[in-house]
Amino acid sequence: MKRIVIFASGSGSNAENIISFFRQKSNITVSAVLTNKSSAKVLERCDRLHVPAFYFNKAAFKDSDAVVQFLKGLQTDLIVLAGFLWKIPSNLIEAFPDKIINIHPALLPKYGGKGMYGERVHQAVKDNNETETGITIHYVNENYDEGAIIFQATTLVESSDDANTIAQKVHQLEYEHFPKVIEKLLS
């Protein structure tokens, strides 16, 4: 049995989609969801879905090996960042080499880096009159959004699209492709 741990900071729609996808599989499971925000909506989703969820603070994440040891205790095979906004510390990257992936709501290397997430990305796509955008699933390294690209999918951007419409198109790509890419990585 392969074990996934999801890191999320927000509502957790991607986390729920991944959890639901792997409930149908016998060889892969979501062991837990971790969040850095005690008020994150993902905690409510996990409660409803009966998936263990845990909050950690900055000190446990950046100044100690507490999170690393917790993940090792769960026998984690893959760490999936699904709307997780903190930079991953080097001790976690070293403990799980090529075992941490992220999804970014744009076609990297465009619109990546510190501060580029969610609505900010979609507004930048609109402001720059892009004709396409998409998702990038990539390995995590010590820099924001610079790890090796695993997968990209695109969607057209119409001149009439606003940032919200662009976000909806990107979310559809995330829901469709993220679980399948995770499954392929663990097969």
N, C-alpha and C. Protein backbone atom coordinates (compact mmCIF):
# COMPACT_ATOMS: atom_id res chain seq x y z
N MET A 1 0.84 -1.19 0.00
CA MET A 1 0.00 0.00 0.00
C MET A 1 0.88 1.25 0.00
N LYS A 2 0.68 2.11 -0.98
CA LYS A 2 1.40 3.38 -1.06
C LYS A 2 0.62 4.43 -0.27
N ARG A 3 1.38 5.30 0.43
CA ARG A 3 0.75 6.28 1.32
C ARG A 3 1.08 7.71 0.89
N ILE A 4 0.02 8.49 0.71
CA ILE A 4 0.13 9.90 0.35
C ILE A 4 -0.19 10.74 1.59
N VAL A 5 0.56 11.81 1.78
CA VAL A 5 0.19 12.84 2.75
C VAL A 5 0.05 14.14 1.97
N ILE A 6 -1.09 14.79 2.16
CA ILE A 6 -1.38 16.04 1.48
C ILE A 6 -1.11 17.21 2.42
N PHE A 7 -0.45 18.25 1.90
CA PHE A 7 -0.28 19.51 2.61
C PHE A 7 -1.20 20.53 1.95
N ALA A 8 -2.01 21.23 2.74
CA ALA A 8 -2.92 22.23 2.21
C ALA A 8 -2.99 23.41 3.18
N SER A 9 -3.25 24.60 2.64
CA SER A 9 -3.36 25.80 3.48
C SER A 9 -4.74 26.44 3.42
N GLY A 10 -5.59 25.98 2.51
CA GLY A 10 -6.84 26.70 2.27
C GLY A 10 -8.08 25.85 2.36
N SER A 11 -8.92 25.99 1.33
CA SER A 11 -10.23 25.34 1.36
C SER A 11 -10.14 23.83 1.22
N GLY A 12 -9.16 23.36 0.48
CA GLY A 12 -8.97 21.91 0.37
C GLY A 12 -9.76 21.24 -0.72
N SER A 13 -10.19 21.97 -1.75
CA SER A 13 -10.96 21.34 -2.82
C SER A 13 -10.10 20.31 -3.58
N ASN A 14 -8.84 20.63 -3.82
CA ASN A 14 -7.96 19.65 -4.47
C ASN A 14 -7.69 18.46 -3.55
N ALA A 15 -7.53 18.72 -2.26
CA ALA A 15 -7.32 17.63 -1.31
C ALA A 15 -8.52 16.68 -1.32
N GLU A 16 -9.73 17.24 -1.28
CA GLU A 16 -10.93 16.40 -1.31
C GLU A 16 -11.00 15.60 -2.60
N ASN A 17 -10.68 16.21 -3.71
CA ASN A 17 -10.71 15.51 -4.99
C ASN A 17 -9.72 14.34 -4.99
N ILE A 18 -8.53 14.56 -4.45
CA ILE A 18 -7.52 13.49 -4.39
C ILE A 18 -7.98 12.38 -3.45
N ILE A 19 -8.50 12.75 -2.29
CA ILE A 19 -8.99 11.76 -1.33
C ILE A 19 -10.08 10.90 -1.97
N SER A 20 -11.03 11.55 -2.62
CA SER A 20 -12.14 10.83 -3.26
C SER A 20 -11.65 9.89 -4.36
N PHE A 21 -10.70 10.36 -5.15
CA PHE A 21 -10.14 9.54 -6.23
C PHE A 21 -9.51 8.26 -5.66
N PHE A 22 -8.70 8.39 -4.60
CA PHE A 22 -7.97 7.23 -4.10
C PHE A 22 -8.81 6.34 -3.19
N ARG A 23 -9.99 6.77 -2.81
CA ARG A 23 -10.91 5.89 -2.09
C ARG A 23 -11.33 4.72 -2.98
N GLN A 24 -11.24 4.91 -4.29
CA GLN A 24 -11.64 3.87 -5.24
C GLN A 24 -10.48 2.92 -5.57
N LYS A 25 -9.32 3.17 -4.99
CA LYS A 25 -8.13 2.37 -5.31
C LYS A 25 -7.74 1.52 -4.09
N SER A 26 -7.25 0.33 -4.35
CA SER A 26 -6.88 -0.55 -3.24
C SER A 26 -5.40 -0.49 -2.90
N ASN A 27 -4.60 0.12 -3.78
CA ASN A 27 -3.15 0.09 -3.57
C ASN A 27 -2.54 1.44 -3.15
N ILE A 28 -3.37 2.49 -3.08
CA ILE A 28 -2.89 3.82 -2.71
C ILE A 28 -3.91 4.44 -1.77
N THR A 29 -3.44 5.10 -0.72
CA THR A 29 -4.35 5.75 0.22
C THR A 29 -3.80 7.11 0.65
N VAL A 30 -4.69 7.99 1.03
CA VAL A 30 -4.29 9.25 1.65
C VAL A 30 -4.26 9.00 3.15
N SER A 31 -3.05 9.00 3.72
CA SER A 31 -2.88 8.68 5.14
C SER A 31 -3.29 9.84 6.04
N ALA A 32 -3.02 11.07 5.58
CA ALA A 32 -3.30 12.24 6.42
C ALA A 32 -3.22 13.50 5.58
N VAL A 33 -3.79 14.55 6.13
CA VAL A 33 -3.67 15.89 5.56
C VAL A 33 -3.05 16.76 6.65
N LEU A 34 -2.06 17.54 6.27
CA LEU A 34 -1.40 18.46 7.19
C LEU A 34 -1.64 19.89 6.73
N THR A 35 -1.84 20.79 7.67
CA THR A 35 -2.04 22.19 7.33
C THR A 35 -1.28 23.09 8.28
N ASN A 36 -0.92 24.25 7.77
CA ASN A 36 -0.23 25.26 8.55
C ASN A 36 -1.19 26.34 9.04
N LYS A 37 -2.48 26.17 8.81
CA LYS A 37 -3.48 27.15 9.23
C LYS A 37 -4.55 26.44 10.07
N SER A 38 -4.63 26.80 11.32
CA SER A 38 -5.60 26.14 12.21
C SER A 38 -7.04 26.43 11.81
N SER A 39 -7.26 27.46 11.00
CA SER A 39 -8.62 27.81 10.56
C SER A 39 -8.89 27.37 9.12
N ALA A 40 -8.00 26.61 8.51
CA ALA A 40 -8.16 26.20 7.11
C ALA A 40 -9.41 25.34 6.94
N LYS A 41 -10.15 25.61 5.90
CA LYS A 41 -11.38 24.86 5.59
C LYS A 41 -11.09 23.40 5.27
N VAL A 42 -9.84 23.11 4.88
CA VAL A 42 -9.49 21.73 4.58
C VAL A 42 -9.71 20.84 5.82
N LEU A 43 -9.57 21.39 7.01
CA LEU A 43 -9.79 20.60 8.24
C LEU A 43 -11.24 20.14 8.33
N GLU A 44 -12.19 21.01 7.95
CA GLU A 44 -13.60 20.62 7.94
C GLU A 44 -13.86 19.52 6.91
N ARG A 45 -13.25 19.67 5.74
CA ARG A 45 -13.41 18.63 4.71
C ARG A 45 -12.89 17.28 5.21
N CYS A 46 -11.73 17.30 5.83
CA CYS A 46 -11.14 16.05 6.32
C CYS A 46 -12.01 15.41 7.40
N ASP A 47 -12.59 16.23 8.27
CA ASP A 47 -13.49 15.72 9.30
C ASP A 47 -14.68 15.02 8.64
N ARG A 48 -15.26 15.66 7.66
CA ARG A 48 -16.42 15.10 6.94
C ARG A 48 -16.05 13.83 6.20
N LEU A 49 -14.83 13.78 5.67
CA LEU A 49 -14.37 12.63 4.88
C LEU A 49 -13.71 11.54 5.74
N HIS A 50 -13.59 11.79 7.04
CA HIS A 50 -12.97 10.85 7.99
C HIS A 50 -11.52 10.54 7.62
N VAL A 51 -10.79 11.60 7.29
CA VAL A 51 -9.36 11.49 7.00
C VAL A 51 -8.61 12.23 8.11
N PRO A 52 -7.62 11.63 8.73
CA PRO A 52 -6.88 12.31 9.78
C PRO A 52 -6.24 13.60 9.25
N ALA A 53 -6.40 14.67 10.02
CA ALA A 53 -5.84 15.96 9.63
C ALA A 53 -5.15 16.58 10.84
N PHE A 54 -4.02 17.23 10.56
CA PHE A 54 -3.20 17.77 11.65
C PHE A 54 -2.72 19.17 11.29
N TYR A 55 -2.69 20.01 12.29
CA TYR A 55 -2.16 21.37 12.17
C TYR A 55 -0.75 21.39 12.74
N PHE A 56 0.15 22.13 12.09
CA PHE A 56 1.48 22.37 12.64
C PHE A 56 1.81 23.84 12.52
N ASN A 57 2.65 24.32 13.44
CA ASN A 57 3.04 25.74 13.40
C ASN A 57 4.40 25.90 12.72
N LYS A 58 4.78 27.13 12.53
CA LYS A 58 6.01 27.45 11.80
C LYS A 58 7.25 26.83 12.47
N ALA A 59 7.31 26.86 13.80
CA ALA A 59 8.47 26.31 14.51
C ALA A 59 8.60 24.81 14.25
N ALA A 60 7.50 24.08 14.31
CA ALA A 60 7.54 22.63 14.07
C ALA A 60 7.96 22.33 12.64
N PHE A 61 7.63 23.23 11.73
CA PHE A 61 7.90 23.01 10.32
C PHE A 61 9.32 23.42 9.94
N LYS A 62 9.74 24.60 10.38
CA LYS A 62 11.00 25.17 9.91
C LYS A 62 12.17 25.01 10.87
N ASP A 63 11.89 24.91 12.17
CA ASP A 63 12.96 24.94 13.16
C ASP A 63 13.22 23.61 13.85
N SER A 64 12.57 22.57 13.40
CA SER A 64 12.78 21.26 14.02
C SER A 64 12.53 20.17 12.97
N ASP A 65 12.71 18.94 13.40
CA ASP A 65 12.42 17.79 12.54
C ASP A 65 11.08 17.16 12.88
N ALA A 66 10.24 17.87 13.61
CA ALA A 66 8.95 17.31 14.06
C ALA A 66 8.10 16.83 12.89
N VAL A 67 7.96 17.65 11.86
CA VAL A 67 7.13 17.27 10.71
C VAL A 67 7.78 16.12 9.95
N VAL A 68 9.09 16.18 9.78
CA VAL A 68 9.81 15.09 9.09
C VAL A 68 9.59 13.77 9.82
N GLN A 69 9.75 13.79 11.13
CA GLN A 69 9.58 12.55 11.91
C GLN A 69 8.15 12.05 11.85
N PHE A 70 7.20 12.97 11.89
CA PHE A 70 5.79 12.59 11.77
C PHE A 70 5.53 11.90 10.44
N LEU A 71 6.05 12.47 9.35
CA LEU A 71 5.86 11.90 8.02
C LEU A 71 6.54 10.53 7.91
N LYS A 72 7.71 10.39 8.49
CA LYS A 72 8.39 9.09 8.47
C LYS A 72 7.59 8.06 9.25
N GLY A 73 6.99 8.49 10.36
CA GLY A 73 6.16 7.59 11.16
C GLY A 73 4.95 7.09 10.39
N LEU A 74 4.46 7.89 9.47
CA LEU A 74 3.33 7.48 8.64
C LEU A 74 3.76 6.63 7.44
N GLN A 75 5.07 6.42 7.29
CA GLN A 75 5.63 5.68 6.16
C GLN A 75 5.18 6.30 4.84
N THR A 76 5.37 7.61 4.75
CA THR A 76 4.91 8.39 3.61
C THR A 76 5.71 8.07 2.35
N ASP A 77 4.99 7.76 1.28
CA ASP A 77 5.62 7.50 -0.01
C ASP A 77 5.65 8.74 -0.90
N LEU A 78 4.67 9.63 -0.73
CA LEU A 78 4.60 10.83 -1.55
C LEU A 78 3.91 11.95 -0.77
N ILE A 79 4.52 13.12 -0.80
CA ILE A 79 3.94 14.31 -0.19
C ILE A 79 3.39 15.16 -1.34
N VAL A 80 2.12 15.50 -1.23
CA VAL A 80 1.43 16.25 -2.28
C VAL A 80 1.03 17.61 -1.73
N LEU A 81 1.58 18.66 -2.34
CA LEU A 81 1.21 20.02 -1.96
C LEU A 81 0.01 20.42 -2.81
N ALA A 82 -1.09 20.71 -2.15
CA ALA A 82 -2.33 21.05 -2.84
C ALA A 82 -2.85 22.37 -2.26
N GLY A 83 -2.28 23.46 -2.75
CA GLY A 83 -2.66 24.75 -2.19
C GLY A 83 -1.94 25.04 -0.89
N PHE A 84 -0.72 24.57 -0.79
CA PHE A 84 0.10 24.82 0.40
C PHE A 84 1.07 25.95 0.08
N LEU A 85 1.08 27.01 0.89
CA LEU A 85 1.75 28.24 0.50
C LEU A 85 3.13 28.48 1.13
N TRP A 86 3.53 27.68 2.10
CA TRP A 86 4.85 27.89 2.68
C TRP A 86 5.92 27.21 1.84
N LYS A 87 7.10 27.82 1.84
CA LYS A 87 8.27 27.22 1.19
C LYS A 87 8.69 25.98 2.00
N ILE A 88 9.02 24.93 1.30
CA ILE A 88 9.40 23.67 1.96
C ILE A 88 10.85 23.76 2.44
N PRO A 89 11.09 23.50 3.73
CA PRO A 89 12.46 23.61 4.25
C PRO A 89 13.36 22.49 3.74
N SER A 90 14.64 22.77 3.73
CA SER A 90 15.61 21.83 3.16
C SER A 90 15.62 20.49 3.88
N ASN A 91 15.38 20.47 5.20
CA ASN A 91 15.41 19.17 5.90
C ASN A 91 14.30 18.25 5.40
N LEU A 92 13.17 18.81 5.01
CA LEU A 92 12.07 18.00 4.49
C LEU A 92 12.38 17.52 3.07
N ILE A 93 12.97 18.40 2.26
CA ILE A 93 13.36 18.02 0.90
C ILE A 93 14.42 16.91 0.93
N GLU A 94 15.38 17.04 1.85
CA GLU A 94 16.44 16.03 1.97
C GLU A 94 15.90 14.70 2.48
N ALA A 95 14.91 14.74 3.37
CA ALA A 95 14.34 13.51 3.93
C ALA A 95 13.47 12.76 2.92
N PHE A 96 12.90 13.51 1.96
CA PHE A 96 12.01 12.92 0.96
C PHE A 96 12.41 13.38 -0.44
N PRO A 97 13.61 12.98 -0.89
CA PRO A 97 14.07 13.42 -2.22
C PRO A 97 13.18 12.88 -3.34
N ASP A 98 12.75 13.76 -4.23
CA ASP A 98 11.88 13.40 -5.35
C ASP A 98 10.59 12.72 -4.88
N LYS A 99 10.15 13.06 -3.68
CA LYS A 99 8.92 12.50 -3.12
C LYS A 99 7.96 13.61 -2.70
N ILE A 100 8.22 14.84 -3.13
CA ILE A 100 7.35 15.98 -2.82
C ILE A 100 6.97 16.62 -4.15
N ILE A 101 5.66 16.72 -4.40
CA ILE A 101 5.21 17.36 -5.63
C ILE A 101 4.24 18.49 -5.31
N ASN A 102 4.12 19.40 -6.24
CA ASN A 102 3.24 20.55 -6.11
C ASN A 102 2.45 20.73 -7.40
N ILE A 103 1.30 21.36 -7.27
CA ILE A 103 0.54 21.77 -8.44
C ILE A 103 0.50 23.29 -8.45
N HIS A 104 0.78 23.87 -9.61
CA HIS A 104 0.78 25.33 -9.75
C HIS A 104 -0.26 25.70 -10.81
N PRO A 105 -1.05 26.76 -10.55
CA PRO A 105 -2.14 27.11 -11.45
C PRO A 105 -1.74 27.96 -12.65
N ALA A 106 -0.64 27.62 -13.28
CA ALA A 106 -0.17 28.31 -14.49
C ALA A 106 0.83 27.39 -15.18
N LEU A 107 1.23 27.80 -16.37
CA LEU A 107 2.21 27.04 -17.14
C LEU A 107 3.60 27.56 -16.80
N LEU A 108 4.21 26.93 -15.80
CA LEU A 108 5.56 27.35 -15.42
C LEU A 108 6.49 27.19 -16.60
N PRO A 109 7.49 28.05 -16.75
CA PRO A 109 7.99 28.99 -15.75
C PRO A 109 7.23 30.31 -15.65
N LYS A 110 6.20 30.51 -16.47
CA LYS A 110 5.43 31.74 -16.37
C LYS A 110 4.63 31.77 -15.07
N TYR A 111 4.54 32.93 -14.48
CA TYR A 111 3.67 33.21 -13.33
C TYR A 111 3.94 32.32 -12.12
N GLY A 112 5.21 32.04 -11.90
CA GLY A 112 5.60 31.28 -10.72
C GLY A 112 6.42 32.15 -9.78
N GLY A 113 6.80 31.56 -8.66
CA GLY A 113 7.65 32.24 -7.69
C GLY A 113 6.89 32.71 -6.47
N LYS A 114 7.62 33.29 -5.55
CA LYS A 114 7.05 33.75 -4.29
C LYS A 114 5.92 34.75 -4.55
N GLY A 115 4.82 34.51 -3.88
CA GLY A 115 3.67 35.41 -3.98
C GLY A 115 2.74 35.14 -5.14
N MET A 116 3.13 34.22 -6.03
CA MET A 116 2.29 33.92 -7.19
C MET A 116 1.46 32.66 -6.90
N TYR A 117 0.25 32.89 -6.47
CA TYR A 117 -0.67 31.79 -6.19
C TYR A 117 -2.10 32.29 -6.37
N GLY A 118 -2.99 31.33 -6.61
CA GLY A 118 -4.42 31.61 -6.68
C GLY A 118 -4.80 32.76 -7.59
N GLU A 119 -5.62 33.63 -7.07
CA GLU A 119 -6.17 34.76 -7.82
C GLU A 119 -5.09 35.63 -8.44
N ARG A 120 -3.96 35.77 -7.77
CA ARG A 120 -2.86 36.59 -8.30
C ARG A 120 -2.37 36.06 -9.64
N VAL A 121 -2.27 34.75 -9.73
CA VAL A 121 -1.81 34.12 -10.97
C VAL A 121 -2.82 34.36 -12.09
N HIS A 122 -4.09 34.12 -11.80
CA HIS A 122 -5.12 34.25 -12.83
C HIS A 122 -5.27 35.69 -13.29
N GLN A 123 -5.12 36.65 -12.37
CA GLN A 123 -5.19 38.05 -12.75
C GLN A 123 -3.99 38.44 -13.62
N ALA A 124 -2.82 37.90 -13.31
CA ALA A 124 -1.63 38.17 -14.12
C ALA A 124 -1.79 37.61 -15.53
N VAL A 125 -2.38 36.43 -15.64
CA VAL A 125 -2.65 35.82 -16.95
C VAL A 125 -3.57 36.75 -17.75
N LYS A 126 -4.62 37.24 -17.11
CA LYS A 126 -5.57 38.14 -17.77
C LYS A 126 -4.89 39.47 -18.15
N ASP A 127 -4.16 40.05 -17.21
CA ASP A 127 -3.51 41.35 -17.45
C ASP A 127 -2.51 41.30 -18.59
N ASN A 128 -1.92 40.14 -18.81
CA ASN A 128 -0.92 40.00 -19.86
C ASN A 128 -1.50 39.46 -21.16
N ASN A 129 -2.83 39.41 -21.23
CA ASN A 129 -3.53 39.00 -22.45
C ASN A 129 -3.05 37.65 -22.99
N GLU A 130 -2.81 36.73 -22.08
CA GLU A 130 -2.41 35.37 -22.51
C GLU A 130 -3.57 34.72 -23.25
N THR A 131 -3.25 33.87 -24.20
CA THR A 131 -4.29 33.15 -24.95
C THR A 131 -4.46 31.72 -24.43
N GLU A 132 -3.55 31.29 -23.56
CA GLU A 132 -3.69 30.00 -22.90
C GLU A 132 -3.04 30.06 -21.53
N THR A 133 -3.52 29.20 -20.67
CA THR A 133 -2.93 29.00 -19.35
C THR A 133 -3.11 27.53 -19.03
N GLY A 134 -2.88 27.16 -17.79
CA GLY A 134 -3.04 25.76 -17.45
C GLY A 134 -2.52 25.43 -16.09
N ILE A 135 -2.07 24.20 -15.95
CA ILE A 135 -1.51 23.73 -14.69
C ILE A 135 -0.14 23.13 -14.94
N THR A 136 0.67 23.17 -13.90
CA THR A 136 1.97 22.51 -13.90
C THR A 136 2.08 21.70 -12.63
N ILE A 137 2.36 20.42 -12.78
CA ILE A 137 2.67 19.56 -11.63
C ILE A 137 4.17 19.35 -11.69
N HIS A 138 4.84 19.63 -10.57
CA HIS A 138 6.30 19.59 -10.57
C HIS A 138 6.84 19.08 -9.24
N TYR A 139 8.08 18.60 -9.29
CA TYR A 139 8.77 18.24 -8.06
C TYR A 139 9.12 19.51 -7.31
N VAL A 140 9.22 19.39 -6.00
CA VAL A 140 9.55 20.54 -5.16
C VAL A 140 11.04 20.51 -4.85
N ASN A 141 11.67 21.67 -5.03
CA ASN A 141 13.05 21.84 -4.60
C ASN A 141 13.12 23.03 -3.65
N GLU A 142 14.31 23.58 -3.45
CA GLU A 142 14.49 24.64 -2.45
C GLU A 142 13.97 26.00 -2.90
N ASN A 143 13.53 26.12 -4.15
CA ASN A 143 13.01 27.39 -4.67
C ASN A 143 11.55 27.25 -5.07
N TYR A 144 10.80 28.32 -4.89
CA TYR A 144 9.39 28.31 -5.30
C TYR A 144 9.25 28.00 -6.79
N ASP A 145 8.48 26.98 -7.10
CA ASP A 145 8.05 26.69 -8.47
C ASP A 145 9.18 26.46 -9.46
N GLU A 146 10.32 25.96 -9.00
CA GLU A 146 11.45 25.74 -9.91
C GLU A 146 11.85 24.28 -10.04
N GLY A 147 11.14 23.37 -9.38
CA GLY A 147 11.47 21.95 -9.49
C GLY A 147 11.14 21.40 -10.86
N ALA A 148 11.69 20.25 -11.18
CA ALA A 148 11.49 19.62 -12.48
C ALA A 148 10.01 19.40 -12.76
N ILE A 149 9.61 19.74 -13.96
CA ILE A 149 8.21 19.61 -14.36
C ILE A 149 7.89 18.15 -14.66
N ILE A 150 6.77 17.68 -14.10
CA ILE A 150 6.29 16.32 -14.31
C ILE A 150 5.23 16.30 -15.40
N PHE A 151 4.33 17.31 -15.37
CA PHE A 151 3.17 17.29 -16.25
C PHE A 151 2.62 18.71 -16.40
N GLN A 152 2.13 19.02 -17.59
CA GLN A 152 1.41 20.28 -17.82
C GLN A 152 0.18 19.98 -18.66
N ALA A 153 -0.88 20.75 -18.43
CA ALA A 153 -2.09 20.70 -19.25
C ALA A 153 -2.53 22.14 -19.49
N THR A 154 -3.11 22.38 -20.66
CA THR A 154 -3.46 23.75 -21.03
C THR A 154 -4.96 23.92 -21.25
N THR A 155 -5.38 25.17 -21.17
CA THR A 155 -6.73 25.57 -21.52
C THR A 155 -6.66 26.93 -22.21
N LEU A 156 -7.59 27.17 -23.11
CA LEU A 156 -7.62 28.45 -23.81
C LEU A 156 -8.15 29.55 -22.90
N VAL A 157 -7.62 30.75 -23.10
CA VAL A 157 -8.12 31.93 -22.41
C VAL A 157 -8.77 32.81 -23.47
N GLU A 158 -10.05 33.05 -23.32
CA GLU A 158 -10.79 33.92 -24.23
C GLU A 158 -10.63 35.36 -23.79
N SER A 159 -10.71 36.28 -24.72
CA SER A 159 -10.58 37.71 -24.37
C SER A 159 -11.68 38.15 -23.40
N SER A 160 -12.80 37.46 -23.41
CA SER A 160 -13.91 37.81 -22.51
C SER A 160 -13.76 37.20 -21.11
N ASP A 161 -12.80 36.30 -20.92
CA ASP A 161 -12.60 35.67 -19.61
C ASP A 161 -12.07 36.68 -18.60
N ASP A 162 -12.60 36.63 -17.39
CA ASP A 162 -12.02 37.40 -16.29
C ASP A 162 -11.22 36.43 -15.42
N ALA A 163 -10.60 36.94 -14.37
CA ALA A 163 -9.75 36.10 -13.52
C ALA A 163 -10.54 34.94 -12.92
N ASN A 164 -11.79 35.17 -12.58
CA ASN A 164 -12.63 34.12 -12.00
C ASN A 164 -12.91 33.01 -13.01
N THR A 165 -13.21 33.38 -14.24
CA THR A 165 -13.45 32.39 -15.29
C THR A 165 -12.19 31.58 -15.57
N ILE A 166 -11.07 32.27 -15.59
CA ILE A 166 -9.78 31.58 -15.79
C ILE A 166 -9.55 30.59 -14.65
N ALA A 167 -9.81 31.02 -13.43
CA ALA A 167 -9.64 30.14 -12.27
C ALA A 167 -10.50 28.89 -12.39
N GLN A 168 -11.74 29.05 -12.84
CA GLN A 168 -12.63 27.89 -13.00
C GLN A 168 -12.07 26.91 -14.02
N LYS A 169 -11.55 27.42 -15.12
CA LYS A 169 -10.97 26.55 -16.15
C LYS A 169 -9.75 25.80 -15.60
N VAL A 170 -8.93 26.52 -14.84
CA VAL A 170 -7.73 25.90 -14.26
C VAL A 170 -8.10 24.85 -13.22
N HIS A 171 -9.10 25.15 -12.39
CA HIS A 171 -9.55 24.17 -11.40
C HIS A 171 -10.03 22.88 -12.07
N GLN A 172 -10.70 23.00 -13.18
CA GLN A 172 -11.15 21.80 -13.87
C GLN A 172 -9.97 20.94 -14.31
N LEU A 173 -8.92 21.59 -14.79
CA LEU A 173 -7.70 20.85 -15.16
C LEU A 173 -7.08 20.18 -13.93
N GLU A 174 -7.04 20.91 -12.82
CA GLU A 174 -6.48 20.35 -11.58
C GLU A 174 -7.23 19.10 -11.17
N TYR A 175 -8.56 19.21 -11.12
CA TYR A 175 -9.38 18.08 -10.67
C TYR A 175 -9.25 16.88 -11.60
N GLU A 176 -9.14 17.14 -12.89
CA GLU A 176 -9.04 16.06 -13.86
C GLU A 176 -7.68 15.36 -13.82
N HIS A 177 -6.61 16.13 -13.73
CA HIS A 177 -5.27 15.56 -13.95
C HIS A 177 -4.47 15.25 -12.69
N PHE A 178 -4.63 16.02 -11.61
CA PHE A 178 -3.74 15.85 -10.45
C PHE A 178 -3.80 14.43 -9.89
N PRO A 179 -4.98 13.87 -9.60
CA PRO A 179 -5.00 12.50 -9.05
C PRO A 179 -4.37 11.47 -10.00
N LYS A 180 -4.61 11.62 -11.29
CA LYS A 180 -4.07 10.67 -12.26
C LYS A 180 -2.54 10.72 -12.32
N VAL A 181 -1.97 11.91 -12.23
CA VAL A 181 -0.52 12.06 -12.23
C VAL A 181 0.06 11.45 -10.96
N ILE A 182 -0.60 11.69 -9.82
CA ILE A 182 -0.15 11.09 -8.56
C ILE A 182 -0.16 9.57 -8.67
N GLU A 183 -1.24 9.03 -9.19
CA GLU A 183 -1.35 7.58 -9.34
C GLU A 183 -0.22 7.03 -10.22
N LYS A 184 0.05 7.71 -11.31
CA LYS A 184 1.12 7.27 -12.21
C LYS A 184 2.48 7.29 -11.51
N LEU A 185 2.73 8.33 -10.73
CA LEU A 185 4.00 8.43 -10.00
C LEU A 185 4.18 7.29 -9.00
N LEU A 186 3.09 6.82 -8.43
CA LEU A 186 3.15 5.78 -7.40
C LEU A 186 3.02 4.37 -7.96
N SER A 187 2.80 4.26 -9.26
CA SER A 187 2.63 2.92 -9.87
C SER A 187 3.97 2.31 -10.25
